[in-house]
Amino acid sequence: MKHSQFAGSCRFMWNRMLTDINAGYEAGEKYSCPTPAKYKKVPGLEWLKEILLPELWQPHGQRPSGGN
């Protein structure tokens, strides 16, 4: 994978997550911090599975299995 692809996908995720946080705030919803795992099955974002590292798909605070 090219570094530019990885950097671009991380930037995309940052922007998408920030957009979702702002939309929730404007709708008066309680704050919640989305994780990349939330976007695994979103239609149109399947390409992210091929680009982002598996560690980024882990819910916040969980370690990948097999880690030390």
N, C-alpha and C. Protein backbone atom coordinates (compact mmCIF):
# COMPACT_ATOMS: atom_id res chain seq x y z
N MET A 1 0.85 -1.18 0.00
CA MET A 1 0.00 0.00 0.00
C MET A 1 0.89 1.24 0.00
N LYS A 2 0.47 2.20 -0.72
CA LYS A 2 1.21 3.46 -0.78
C LYS A 2 0.91 4.30 0.46
N HIS A 3 1.92 5.03 0.89
CA HIS A 3 1.73 5.90 2.05
C HIS A 3 0.65 6.93 1.79
N SER A 4 0.57 7.40 0.55
CA SER A 4 -0.44 8.41 0.24
C SER A 4 -1.85 7.84 0.35
N GLN A 5 -2.02 6.55 0.02
CA GLN A 5 -3.34 5.93 0.17
C GLN A 5 -3.71 5.83 1.65
N PHE A 6 -2.74 5.40 2.45
CA PHE A 6 -3.00 5.27 3.88
C PHE A 6 -3.32 6.63 4.50
N ALA A 7 -2.49 7.62 4.18
CA ALA A 7 -2.71 8.97 4.72
C ALA A 7 -4.05 9.53 4.26
N GLY A 8 -4.39 9.31 3.01
CA GLY A 8 -5.67 9.80 2.49
C GLY A 8 -6.86 9.13 3.16
N SER A 9 -6.75 7.82 3.41
CA SER A 9 -7.86 7.13 4.06
C SER A 9 -8.00 7.56 5.52
N CYS A 10 -6.88 7.81 6.19
CA CYS A 10 -6.95 8.31 7.57
C CYS A 10 -7.59 9.70 7.60
N ARG A 11 -7.23 10.53 6.65
CA ARG A 11 -7.81 11.88 6.57
C ARG A 11 -9.31 11.79 6.30
N PHE A 12 -9.69 10.88 5.39
CA PHE A 12 -11.11 10.68 5.10
C PHE A 12 -11.86 10.28 6.36
N MET A 13 -11.29 9.32 7.11
CA MET A 13 -11.97 8.85 8.33
C MET A 13 -12.09 9.98 9.35
N TRP A 14 -11.04 10.76 9.51
CA TRP A 14 -11.08 11.90 10.44
C TRP A 14 -12.23 12.84 10.06
N ASN A 15 -12.28 13.21 8.80
CA ASN A 15 -13.32 14.14 8.34
C ASN A 15 -14.72 13.54 8.50
N ARG A 16 -14.87 12.26 8.16
CA ARG A 16 -16.18 11.61 8.26
C ARG A 16 -16.64 11.53 9.72
N MET A 17 -15.71 11.15 10.61
CA MET A 17 -16.06 11.05 12.02
C MET A 17 -16.39 12.42 12.61
N LEU A 18 -15.63 13.44 12.23
CA LEU A 18 -15.89 14.79 12.70
C LEU A 18 -17.24 15.29 12.20
N THR A 19 -17.58 14.99 10.95
CA THR A 19 -18.88 15.36 10.41
C THR A 19 -20.00 14.71 11.20
N ASP A 20 -19.84 13.43 11.53
CA ASP A 20 -20.87 12.73 12.30
C ASP A 20 -21.01 13.29 13.72
N ILE A 21 -19.90 13.64 14.34
CA ILE A 21 -19.94 14.24 15.68
C ILE A 21 -20.66 15.58 15.63
N ASN A 22 -20.32 16.41 14.64
CA ASN A 22 -20.96 17.72 14.51
C ASN A 22 -22.45 17.60 14.20
N ALA A 23 -22.83 16.66 13.37
CA ALA A 23 -24.25 16.46 13.05
C ALA A 23 -25.02 16.05 14.30
N GLY A 24 -24.44 15.18 15.10
CA GLY A 24 -25.09 14.78 16.35
C GLY A 24 -25.23 15.95 17.32
N TYR A 25 -24.21 16.77 17.40
CA TYR A 25 -24.24 17.94 18.27
C TYR A 25 -25.35 18.90 17.85
N GLU A 26 -25.41 19.16 16.53
CA GLU A 26 -26.43 20.07 16.02
C GLU A 26 -27.84 19.52 16.20
N ALA A 27 -27.97 18.20 16.22
CA ALA A 27 -29.28 17.57 16.43
C ALA A 27 -29.63 17.47 17.91
N GLY A 28 -28.71 17.89 18.78
CA GLY A 28 -28.96 17.86 20.21
C GLY A 28 -28.75 16.49 20.84
N GLU A 29 -28.06 15.62 20.15
CA GLU A 29 -27.81 14.28 20.68
C GLU A 29 -26.68 14.31 21.69
N LYS A 30 -26.68 13.33 22.58
CA LYS A 30 -25.61 13.18 23.54
C LYS A 30 -24.31 12.88 22.79
N TYR A 31 -23.22 13.43 23.24
CA TYR A 31 -21.93 13.24 22.57
C TYR A 31 -21.52 11.77 22.61
N SER A 32 -21.11 11.29 21.49
CA SER A 32 -20.49 9.96 21.43
C SER A 32 -19.36 10.05 20.42
N CYS A 33 -18.30 9.35 20.71
CA CYS A 33 -17.13 9.38 19.84
C CYS A 33 -17.14 8.14 18.96
N PRO A 34 -17.40 8.30 17.66
CA PRO A 34 -17.40 7.13 16.79
C PRO A 34 -15.98 6.60 16.60
N THR A 35 -15.89 5.34 16.26
CA THR A 35 -14.59 4.73 15.96
C THR A 35 -14.63 4.25 14.51
N PRO A 36 -13.48 4.00 13.93
CA PRO A 36 -13.49 3.47 12.56
C PRO A 36 -14.30 2.19 12.43
N ALA A 37 -14.39 1.39 13.49
CA ALA A 37 -15.16 0.15 13.44
C ALA A 37 -16.62 0.41 13.08
N LYS A 38 -17.13 1.56 13.43
CA LYS A 38 -18.52 1.91 13.13
C LYS A 38 -18.78 1.95 11.62
N TYR A 39 -17.77 2.19 10.86
CA TYR A 39 -17.94 2.40 9.43
C TYR A 39 -17.67 1.15 8.58
N LYS A 40 -17.41 0.02 9.22
CA LYS A 40 -17.11 -1.21 8.50
C LYS A 40 -18.18 -1.60 7.49
N LYS A 41 -19.43 -1.45 7.88
CA LYS A 41 -20.54 -1.93 7.04
C LYS A 41 -21.36 -0.81 6.41
N VAL A 42 -20.85 0.40 6.44
CA VAL A 42 -21.57 1.52 5.83
C VAL A 42 -21.49 1.37 4.31
N PRO A 43 -22.65 1.37 3.64
CA PRO A 43 -22.63 1.25 2.18
C PRO A 43 -21.78 2.34 1.54
N GLY A 44 -20.93 1.93 0.62
CA GLY A 44 -20.06 2.87 -0.08
C GLY A 44 -18.69 3.03 0.55
N LEU A 45 -18.51 2.50 1.77
CA LEU A 45 -17.21 2.64 2.44
C LEU A 45 -16.48 1.31 2.56
N GLU A 46 -16.89 0.33 1.78
CA GLU A 46 -16.26 -0.98 1.85
C GLU A 46 -14.77 -0.93 1.54
N TRP A 47 -14.36 0.03 0.74
CA TRP A 47 -12.95 0.16 0.35
C TRP A 47 -12.05 0.43 1.55
N LEU A 48 -12.60 0.95 2.63
CA LEU A 48 -11.79 1.23 3.80
C LEU A 48 -11.22 -0.05 4.42
N LYS A 49 -11.94 -1.16 4.29
CA LYS A 49 -11.48 -2.43 4.85
C LYS A 49 -10.16 -2.84 4.22
N GLU A 50 -9.96 -2.51 2.98
CA GLU A 50 -8.75 -2.90 2.26
C GLU A 50 -7.57 -1.99 2.56
N ILE A 51 -7.82 -0.80 3.04
CA ILE A 51 -6.76 0.18 3.20
C ILE A 51 -6.31 0.35 4.65
N LEU A 52 -7.26 0.47 5.55
CA LEU A 52 -6.89 0.75 6.94
C LEU A 52 -6.35 -0.49 7.64
N LEU A 53 -5.43 -0.29 8.55
CA LEU A 53 -4.85 -1.39 9.31
C LEU A 53 -5.88 -2.01 10.24
N PRO A 54 -5.81 -3.33 10.45
CA PRO A 54 -6.77 -3.97 11.35
C PRO A 54 -6.82 -3.36 12.74
N GLU A 55 -5.68 -2.85 13.22
CA GLU A 55 -5.65 -2.24 14.55
C GLU A 55 -6.59 -1.04 14.66
N LEU A 56 -6.81 -0.35 13.55
CA LEU A 56 -7.68 0.81 13.57
C LEU A 56 -9.16 0.43 13.65
N TRP A 57 -9.49 -0.83 13.35
CA TRP A 57 -10.88 -1.28 13.40
C TRP A 57 -11.29 -1.69 14.80
N GLN A 58 -10.34 -1.79 15.73
CA GLN A 58 -10.67 -2.19 17.08
C GLN A 58 -11.45 -1.08 17.78
N PRO A 59 -12.51 -1.45 18.50
CA PRO A 59 -13.20 -0.42 19.29
C PRO A 59 -12.22 0.22 20.27
N HIS A 60 -12.43 1.47 20.58
CA HIS A 60 -11.54 2.24 21.43
C HIS A 60 -11.28 1.50 22.75
N GLY A 61 -10.03 1.41 23.11
CA GLY A 61 -9.66 0.82 24.40
C GLY A 61 -9.44 -0.67 24.36
N GLN A 62 -9.68 -1.33 23.22
CA GLN A 62 -9.47 -2.76 23.13
C GLN A 62 -8.20 -3.05 22.36
N ARG A 63 -7.47 -4.04 22.78
CA ARG A 63 -6.26 -4.44 22.07
C ARG A 63 -6.59 -5.53 21.07
N PRO A 64 -5.92 -5.54 19.94
CA PRO A 64 -6.12 -6.64 18.99
C PRO A 64 -5.76 -7.98 19.62
N SER A 65 -6.44 -9.03 19.24
CA SER A 65 -6.14 -10.36 19.79
C SER A 65 -4.75 -10.77 19.33
N GLY A 66 -4.07 -11.53 20.16
CA GLY A 66 -2.73 -11.98 19.85
C GLY A 66 -1.65 -11.00 20.23
N GLY A 67 -2.03 -9.87 20.83
CA GLY A 67 -1.04 -8.86 21.22
C GLY A 67 -0.37 -9.22 22.53
N ASN A 68 0.74 -8.59 22.81
CA ASN A 68 1.45 -8.86 24.08
C ASN A 68 0.86 -8.07 25.20
